[in-house]
Amino acid sequence: MIPRSDGEVMTHWGTLRVLMADYRPTRRWHYHDATDRQLEFLKGFNVPVTQWLTKGEASHLIGKIQQRLPPTQAQQCFLRKRGLWHYHLTKTEASQIIGHIVGQSEPAES
């Protein structure tokens, strides 16, 4: 569990308290220690991590980060070619739009 004193730690996406406000552990594994891989991912995005982080909390933070990542260059190029590029898009939103386009262009099965 995140100690109260660490809740005010600021990240690029807001304080830990704000990022974790909607987190509710619902599975047994949520209480296990965060994995090294989770911790490395979070450190790579300058999220301060300490030994208190659980696997569920780390998973929640990773999800929050992934929802806010900017689109890749390939996604931008794909959407620009189709006149669908908007600067406010996130990587997740771009992926959903591209998935919809690709899904529509697949040949129908007979």
Protein backbone atom coordinates (compact mmCIF):
# COMPACT_ATOMS: atom_id res chain seq x y z
CA MET A 1 0.00 0.00 0.00
CA ILE A 2 1.15 3.51 -0.75
CA PRO A 3 2.02 5.33 2.48
CA ARG A 4 0.07 8.55 3.03
CA SER A 5 3.30 10.58 2.90
CA ASP A 6 4.14 9.20 -0.56
CA GLY A 7 0.69 10.01 -1.95
CA GLU A 8 1.66 13.62 -2.65
CA VAL A 9 4.67 12.62 -4.74
CA MET A 10 4.33 14.30 -8.13
CA THR A 11 4.70 12.42 -11.40
CA HIS A 12 4.40 13.62 -14.99
CA TRP A 13 0.74 12.56 -14.83
CA GLY A 14 -0.18 14.04 -11.44
CA THR A 15 0.27 12.98 -7.83
CA LEU A 16 0.30 9.34 -6.86
CA ARG A 17 -2.79 10.02 -4.75
CA VAL A 18 -4.71 11.26 -7.83
CA LEU A 19 -3.47 8.42 -10.05
CA MET A 20 -4.44 5.84 -7.46
CA ALA A 21 -7.78 7.39 -6.44
CA ASP A 22 -9.86 4.87 -8.39
CA TYR A 23 -7.72 1.82 -7.56
CA ARG A 24 -9.42 -1.01 -5.69
CA PRO A 25 -7.65 -4.33 -5.20
CA THR A 26 -10.02 -7.10 -6.27
CA ARG A 27 -7.73 -10.08 -6.78
CA ARG A 28 -5.42 -11.91 -4.42
CA TRP A 29 -2.39 -11.17 -6.61
CA HIS A 30 -3.03 -7.43 -6.24
CA TYR A 31 -1.49 -7.70 -2.76
CA HIS A 32 1.74 -9.36 -3.91
CA ASP A 33 4.95 -7.35 -4.25
CA ALA A 34 5.40 -5.54 -7.56
CA THR A 35 7.59 -7.42 -10.02
CA ASP A 36 11.00 -6.19 -11.11
CA ARG A 37 9.63 -5.73 -14.62
CA GLN A 38 6.78 -3.52 -13.36
CA LEU A 39 9.21 -1.45 -11.30
CA GLU A 40 11.57 -1.00 -14.24
CA PHE A 41 8.68 0.11 -16.48
CA LEU A 42 7.60 2.71 -13.92
CA LYS A 43 11.15 3.92 -13.34
CA GLY A 44 11.51 4.34 -17.10
CA PHE A 45 8.70 6.89 -16.95
CA ASN A 46 10.20 8.62 -13.90
CA VAL A 47 7.53 7.35 -11.54
CA PRO A 48 9.16 7.17 -8.11
CA VAL A 49 8.86 3.63 -6.84
CA THR A 50 9.74 2.22 -3.46
CA GLN A 51 9.40 -1.12 -1.76
CA TRP A 52 5.81 -0.39 -0.67
CA LEU A 53 4.37 -0.83 -4.17
CA THR A 54 2.16 -3.88 -4.68
CA LYS A 55 1.66 -5.75 -7.94
CA GLY A 56 -1.91 -4.44 -8.21
CA GLU A 57 -0.87 -0.83 -7.60
CA ALA A 58 1.95 -1.11 -10.14
CA SER A 59 -0.45 -2.62 -12.68
CA HIS A 60 -2.89 0.24 -12.11
CA LEU A 61 -0.17 2.89 -12.53
CA ILE A 62 1.14 1.21 -15.69
CA GLY A 63 -2.38 1.23 -17.12
CA LYS A 64 -2.75 4.94 -16.33
CA ILE A 65 0.56 5.69 -18.07
CA GLN A 66 -0.29 3.60 -21.13
CA GLN A 67 -3.62 5.42 -21.49
CA ARG A 68 -1.77 8.74 -21.74
CA LEU A 69 1.17 7.88 -24.00
CA PRO A 70 1.43 9.80 -27.26
CA PRO A 71 0.89 7.93 -30.54
CA THR A 72 3.86 6.35 -32.27
CA GLN A 73 5.27 7.84 -35.47
CA ALA A 74 3.80 4.92 -37.40
CA GLN A 75 0.35 5.60 -35.96
CA GLN A 76 0.64 9.31 -36.79
CA CYS A 77 1.69 8.51 -40.37
CA PHE A 78 -1.13 5.98 -40.85
CA LEU A 79 -3.75 8.43 -39.59
CA ARG A 80 -2.32 11.42 -41.48
CA LYS A 81 -2.51 9.53 -44.78
CA ARG A 82 -6.21 9.03 -44.14
CA GLY A 83 -6.91 12.57 -42.92
CA LEU A 84 -7.70 11.32 -39.41
CA TRP A 85 -4.77 12.71 -37.43
CA HIS A 86 -5.53 14.96 -34.43
CA TYR A 87 -2.81 16.26 -32.09
CA HIS A 88 -4.78 15.42 -28.97
CA LEU A 89 -4.89 11.66 -29.67
CA THR A 90 -3.26 9.22 -27.29
CA LYS A 91 -1.56 6.00 -28.33
CA THR A 92 -4.56 4.01 -27.11
CA GLU A 93 -7.03 6.17 -29.04
CA ALA A 94 -4.91 6.00 -32.20
CA SER A 95 -4.74 2.23 -31.83
CA GLN A 96 -8.51 1.98 -31.53
CA ILE A 97 -9.08 4.13 -34.64
CA ILE A 98 -6.53 2.13 -36.63
CA GLY A 99 -8.04 -1.15 -35.44
CA HIS A 100 -11.45 0.01 -36.61
CA ILE A 101 -10.07 1.01 -40.04
CA VAL A 102 -8.14 -2.21 -40.47
CA GLY A 103 -11.14 -4.23 -39.35
CA GLN A 104 -13.33 -2.57 -41.99
CA SER A 105 -10.82 -3.19 -44.76
CA GLU A 106 -10.46 -6.93 -44.19
CA PRO A 107 -12.04 -9.02 -46.93
CA ALA A 108 -15.37 -10.53 -45.99
CA GLU A 109 -15.40 -14.28 -45.49
CA SER A 110 -17.62 -16.26 -47.82
